[in-house]
Amino acid sequence: MTRSTALSVRPETSRSFWPPIHPGRRRCELVRYGKVSSSFAPGRPGVSTPISDRLVSGRSLIACVSILSLIAGALTAGTAGAQDAAAIAQRLGDTIEVNREASGHSVDYGRAVATVDAPTDVVMRIITDYARYFEFMPRFTTSRVLSRRGNNALLYMEASVMRGAHTLWAQMRVYSRAPQGATQIIEGRMIEGNMERFVARWEVTPIEGGTRTLVAFRILVDPDLPFPSSIFTDENLNAAQRTMRALRERVRLPQFAVAHNP
C-alpha cells in the first residue's frame, strides 16, 4: 500500500535534525511526512528519510522585498522630482511665478517659485544663514540665532510693516525637513510673538546638474491687527515675490560668486 503524503506550513516547535537557519526565531517550515527523495534532504545524497526542510524565513524574505521596493521607489521619486524641476525651470525662464495658497484660515499664503543662477550649495548657505536674514529679507529689521544644531535653530526676528507703523516680532523654530527626492526643505514656525501666525518654508532643488537651482518660497504672516484679511494676503504675495528677488540679488555678491566659481 502506498503511504500518502501531506503538505502543510507550520511554525517549528520542536528540535530537528538539520541546524537552524535563524537561531532564536520562529521559522516557516515545509513539512513532508513519509519517504522522500534525496532532493528533499540537502547535503545528504542518497538518503531517503522523513525530514523537515526549511525555507528561508518568511519574515526575512518579506523584509528584503520591502527594502528593495523602498529603495526602488526612492530612486524613482528622486528621478521624477529632478525631471519635474527641470520642466518647471524651463517653463519659468527668468519669471518669478507668484501664487496664492489656501492656509485654512482667513489669511492665505503667498508662494513664489523661480530659478536662481547659483549652485544649490550656495543657495543653501544663504538660506541657512539665519543671523543674516535682516540683510536681505524684505521688512526684516532683526534676526538673531538663540540656539542652533545643524540647520535646526531657534531664532528671534523682528519685521516692520504698514510702512513702519507696526513692528512684528516672533521666536521662530526653524528646522530641516526630510528631503523629498532631490528637494531640500527648510521650514520655520512661530512659537511665540505678537502675531496670530507666522510660517515660512523654503524648497530648494538642483537643476542642470546642480549648477543652477529651482527655489520655492512660501510665507504666511497673519498679524493681530484690525484690518481686512485680504490686505495681509496681498502682503504675503508681495513678500514672497520680493524675497525671491532679494535671493537672486544676494547670490551675485562677491563672497557667493567665489563659491560659485572656485
Protein backbone atom coordinates (compact mmCIF):
# COMPACT_ATOMS: atom_id res chain seq x y z
CA MET A 1 0.00 0.00 0.00
CA THR A 2 1.36 3.42 -0.90
CA ARG A 3 1.76 5.76 2.03
CA SER A 4 0.00 9.06 1.48
CA THR A 5 1.80 12.38 1.91
CA ALA A 6 0.57 15.69 3.20
CA LEU A 7 1.93 19.20 2.76
CA SER A 8 1.44 21.83 5.41
CA VAL A 9 3.03 25.03 6.68
CA ARG A 10 3.52 25.40 10.43
CA PRO A 11 5.91 27.15 12.79
CA GLU A 12 8.68 24.95 14.18
CA THR A 13 8.01 23.88 17.73
CA SER A 14 10.47 21.01 18.19
CA ARG A 15 14.14 20.41 17.65
CA SER A 16 15.02 18.92 14.27
CA PHE A 17 18.00 17.19 12.65
CA TRP A 18 19.28 20.00 10.45
CA PRO A 19 20.90 23.05 12.09
CA PRO A 20 18.65 26.12 12.31
CA ILE A 21 18.94 28.82 9.67
CA HIS A 22 18.00 31.66 12.02
CA PRO A 23 18.54 30.57 15.62
CA GLY A 24 16.17 32.09 18.15
CA ARG A 25 13.45 32.95 15.61
CA ARG A 26 10.24 31.23 14.68
CA ARG A 27 10.50 29.92 11.13
CA CYS A 28 8.22 28.79 8.41
CA GLU A 29 8.84 25.12 7.62
CA LEU A 30 7.93 22.81 4.82
CA VAL A 31 6.93 19.52 6.44
CA ARG A 32 6.53 16.42 4.34
CA TYR A 33 5.57 13.19 6.03
CA GLY A 34 6.69 9.81 4.73
CA LYS A 35 9.56 8.73 2.49
CA VAL A 36 11.10 11.49 0.45
CA SER A 37 13.79 11.60 -2.18
CA SER A 38 17.31 12.89 -1.65
CA SER A 39 16.31 16.22 -3.25
CA PHE A 40 14.45 16.97 -0.03
CA ALA A 41 17.50 16.22 2.12
CA PRO A 42 20.14 18.87 1.37
CA GLY A 43 23.66 17.65 1.95
CA ARG A 44 22.55 14.00 2.39
CA PRO A 45 22.59 12.44 -1.11
CA GLY A 46 21.04 9.02 -1.44
CA VAL A 47 19.27 9.18 1.91
CA SER A 48 15.57 8.51 1.98
CA THR A 49 14.21 9.62 5.33
CA PRO A 50 11.44 11.73 6.84
CA ILE A 51 12.76 15.31 7.29
CA SER A 52 11.63 18.88 7.86
CA ASP A 53 13.07 21.07 5.13
CA ARG A 54 13.39 24.69 5.95
CA LEU A 55 12.54 27.60 3.77
CA VAL A 56 14.13 30.98 4.26
CA SER A 57 12.31 32.83 7.00
CA GLY A 58 9.08 34.32 5.69
CA ARG A 59 9.68 37.47 7.66
CA SER A 60 13.20 37.87 6.31
CA LEU A 61 12.04 37.40 2.74
CA ILE A 62 9.25 39.93 3.13
CA ALA A 63 11.66 42.38 4.78
CA CYS A 64 14.15 42.04 1.91
CA VAL A 65 11.45 42.58 -0.69
CA SER A 66 10.11 45.60 1.21
CA ILE A 67 13.55 47.21 1.49
CA LEU A 68 14.25 46.71 -2.20
CA SER A 69 10.84 48.17 -3.06
CA LEU A 70 11.50 51.22 -0.90
CA ILE A 71 14.91 51.77 -2.49
CA ALA A 72 13.45 51.45 -5.97
CA GLY A 73 10.62 53.82 -5.05
CA ALA A 74 13.01 56.40 -3.63
CA LEU A 75 15.20 56.28 -6.74
CA THR A 76 12.15 56.62 -8.98
CA ALA A 77 10.79 59.51 -6.91
CA GLY A 78 14.16 61.27 -6.99
CA THR A 79 14.41 60.93 -10.75
CA ALA A 80 10.83 62.08 -11.26
CA GLY A 81 11.42 65.06 -8.93
CA ALA A 82 14.51 66.14 -10.86
CA GLN A 83 12.65 65.83 -14.17
CA ASP A 84 9.72 67.86 -12.79
CA ALA A 85 12.07 70.57 -11.51
CA ALA A 86 13.79 70.81 -14.90
CA ALA A 87 10.42 71.11 -16.65
CA ILE A 88 9.27 73.85 -14.27
CA ALA A 89 12.53 75.74 -14.68
CA GLN A 90 12.23 75.58 -18.47
CA ARG A 91 8.64 76.85 -18.31
CA LEU A 92 9.50 79.73 -15.96
CA GLY A 93 12.62 81.02 -17.68
CA ASP A 94 13.53 84.21 -15.75
CA THR A 95 9.99 84.76 -14.49
CA ILE A 96 9.10 84.72 -10.80
CA GLU A 97 5.81 82.88 -10.51
CA VAL A 98 3.64 84.06 -7.61
CA ASN A 99 0.57 82.21 -6.37
CA ARG A 100 -1.88 82.38 -3.53
CA GLU A 101 -2.24 79.16 -1.50
CA ALA A 102 -5.06 78.42 0.92
CA SER A 103 -3.98 78.18 4.56
CA GLY A 104 -7.28 77.07 6.11
CA HIS A 105 -7.50 80.46 7.86
CA SER A 106 -8.67 83.93 6.88
CA VAL A 107 -5.20 84.96 5.66
CA ASP A 108 -3.60 82.88 2.90
CA TYR A 109 -0.02 82.02 1.95
CA GLY A 110 1.99 83.85 -0.65
CA ARG A 111 4.20 81.50 -2.68
CA ALA A 112 6.91 82.36 -5.21
CA VAL A 113 8.85 79.98 -7.48
CA ALA A 114 11.85 80.90 -9.60
CA THR A 115 15.21 79.73 -10.90
CA VAL A 116 18.35 81.08 -9.26
CA ASP A 117 21.64 81.30 -11.14
CA ALA A 118 23.75 79.69 -8.43
CA PRO A 119 24.64 76.17 -7.34
CA THR A 120 22.38 74.57 -4.77
CA ASP A 121 25.04 74.56 -2.05
CA VAL A 122 25.41 78.34 -2.39
CA VAL A 123 21.65 78.85 -2.16
CA MET A 124 21.50 76.61 0.91
CA ARG A 125 24.34 78.59 2.55
CA ILE A 126 22.31 81.77 2.20
CA ILE A 127 19.01 80.25 3.29
CA THR A 128 20.51 78.65 6.40
CA ASP A 129 22.49 81.77 7.41
CA TYR A 130 19.61 82.78 9.67
CA ALA A 131 21.52 85.50 11.54
CA ARG A 132 21.84 87.49 8.29
CA TYR A 133 18.22 87.39 7.21
CA PHE A 134 17.86 91.05 8.13
CA GLU A 135 20.45 91.89 5.46
CA PHE A 136 18.31 90.77 2.54
CA MET A 137 14.84 89.59 3.61
CA PRO A 138 12.17 92.25 2.94
CA ARG A 139 10.98 94.13 6.05
CA PHE A 140 13.23 92.16 8.43
CA THR A 141 14.99 94.50 10.82
CA THR A 142 16.39 91.96 13.30
CA SER A 143 17.37 88.29 13.10
CA ARG A 144 19.21 86.58 15.94
CA VAL A 145 20.08 82.93 16.46
CA LEU A 146 19.27 81.93 20.05
CA SER A 147 20.40 78.31 19.68
CA ARG A 148 21.36 76.05 16.83
CA ARG A 149 22.24 72.48 15.91
CA GLY A 150 22.95 71.88 12.23
CA ASN A 151 20.20 73.54 10.20
CA ASN A 152 17.75 73.39 13.13
CA ALA A 153 17.61 76.59 15.15
CA LEU A 154 15.67 78.84 17.48
CA LEU A 155 15.51 82.41 16.15
CA TYR A 156 14.29 85.81 17.25
CA MET A 157 13.09 88.07 14.44
CA GLU A 158 11.54 91.50 14.01
CA ALA A 159 9.89 92.96 10.92
CA SER A 160 8.47 96.38 10.13
CA VAL A 161 5.06 96.50 8.43
CA MET A 162 2.44 99.03 7.41
CA ARG A 163 5.17 101.48 6.29
CA GLY A 164 6.90 101.30 9.64
CA ALA A 165 3.75 101.86 11.69
CA HIS A 166 3.97 98.43 13.35
CA THR A 167 6.78 96.14 14.41
CA LEU A 168 6.14 92.41 14.42
CA TRP A 169 8.30 90.08 16.48
CA ALA A 170 8.50 86.33 16.85
CA GLN A 171 10.52 83.48 18.21
CA MET A 172 10.76 81.00 15.37
CA ARG A 173 11.66 77.35 15.43
CA VAL A 174 13.43 76.58 12.15
CA TYR A 175 14.17 73.02 11.13
CA SER A 176 15.28 70.93 8.20
CA ARG A 177 12.56 68.57 7.00
CA ALA A 178 13.20 65.21 5.38
CA PRO A 179 14.16 65.75 1.71
CA GLN A 180 11.59 64.98 -0.96
CA GLY A 181 13.68 63.36 -3.67
CA ALA A 182 16.38 65.90 -4.54
CA THR A 183 14.48 68.77 -2.87
CA GLN A 184 15.84 70.11 0.42
CA ILE A 185 13.29 71.74 2.72
CA ILE A 186 13.75 74.34 5.46
CA GLU A 187 10.67 75.37 7.42
CA GLY A 188 10.11 77.86 10.22
CA ARG A 189 7.13 78.34 12.55
CA MET A 190 6.40 80.93 15.19
CA ILE A 191 6.27 79.59 18.75
CA GLU A 192 5.83 82.98 20.42
CA GLY A 193 5.16 86.50 19.17
CA ASN A 194 2.67 89.31 18.62
CA MET A 195 1.06 87.68 15.57
CA GLU A 196 -1.63 85.11 15.03
CA ARG A 197 0.60 83.06 12.71
CA PHE A 198 3.98 83.22 11.07
CA VAL A 199 5.11 80.33 8.86
CA ALA A 200 7.81 80.26 6.18
CA ARG A 201 9.13 77.43 4.01
CA TRP A 202 11.99 77.06 1.51
CA GLU A 203 12.14 74.28 -1.08
CA VAL A 204 15.47 74.01 -2.91
CA THR A 205 16.00 71.68 -5.89
CA PRO A 206 19.15 71.37 -8.04
CA ILE A 207 18.76 71.69 -11.80
CA GLU A 208 21.21 71.46 -14.70
CA GLY A 209 23.49 69.16 -12.78
CA GLY A 210 23.41 71.34 -9.66
CA THR A 211 24.88 74.42 -11.38
CA ARG A 212 21.53 76.24 -11.03
CA THR A 213 18.69 75.92 -8.55
CA LEU A 214 14.91 75.92 -8.55
CA VAL A 215 13.67 77.65 -5.41
CA ALA A 216 10.16 77.88 -3.96
CA PHE A 217 9.41 80.19 -1.02
CA ARG A 218 6.13 80.25 0.87
CA ILE A 219 5.18 82.66 3.65
CA LEU A 220 2.18 83.28 5.89
CA VAL A 221 2.17 86.31 8.18
CA ASP A 222 -1.11 86.92 9.99
CA PRO A 223 -0.71 89.96 12.27
CA ASP A 224 -3.07 90.58 15.13
CA LEU A 225 -4.21 93.89 13.65
CA PRO A 226 -7.72 95.26 12.93
CA PHE A 227 -7.53 95.26 9.14
CA PRO A 228 -9.23 93.12 6.45
CA SER A 229 -7.62 89.71 5.90
CA SER A 230 -7.26 90.42 2.18
CA ILE A 231 -4.71 93.13 2.95
CA PHE A 232 -2.44 90.66 4.70
CA THR A 233 -2.87 88.01 2.00
CA ASP A 234 -1.73 90.61 -0.55
CA GLU A 235 1.20 91.42 1.73
CA ASN A 236 2.18 87.74 1.79
CA LEU A 237 2.11 87.57 -2.01
CA ASN A 238 4.24 90.70 -2.20
CA ALA A 239 6.67 89.40 0.44
CA ALA A 240 7.14 86.08 -1.38
CA GLN A 241 7.97 87.83 -4.65
CA ARG A 242 10.32 90.37 -3.03
CA THR A 243 12.11 87.62 -1.11
CA MET A 244 12.81 85.73 -4.32
CA ARG A 245 14.17 88.87 -5.95
CA ALA A 246 16.35 89.50 -2.91
CA LEU A 247 17.72 85.95 -3.04
CA ARG A 248 18.63 86.36 -6.71
CA GLU A 249 20.48 89.56 -5.90
CA ARG A 250 22.29 88.06 -2.92
CA VAL A 251 23.82 85.16 -4.84
CA ARG A 252 25.57 87.77 -7.03
CA LEU A 253 27.54 89.19 -4.09
CA PRO A 254 31.32 88.60 -4.32
CA GLN A 255 31.51 86.18 -1.38
CA PHE A 256 28.98 83.91 -3.06
CA ALA A 257 30.37 84.45 -6.54
CA VAL A 258 33.65 82.99 -5.26
CA ALA A 259 31.80 79.87 -4.10
CA HIS A 260 30.04 79.74 -7.44
CA ASN A 261 33.30 79.87 -9.42
CA PRO A 262 36.05 78.37 -7.23
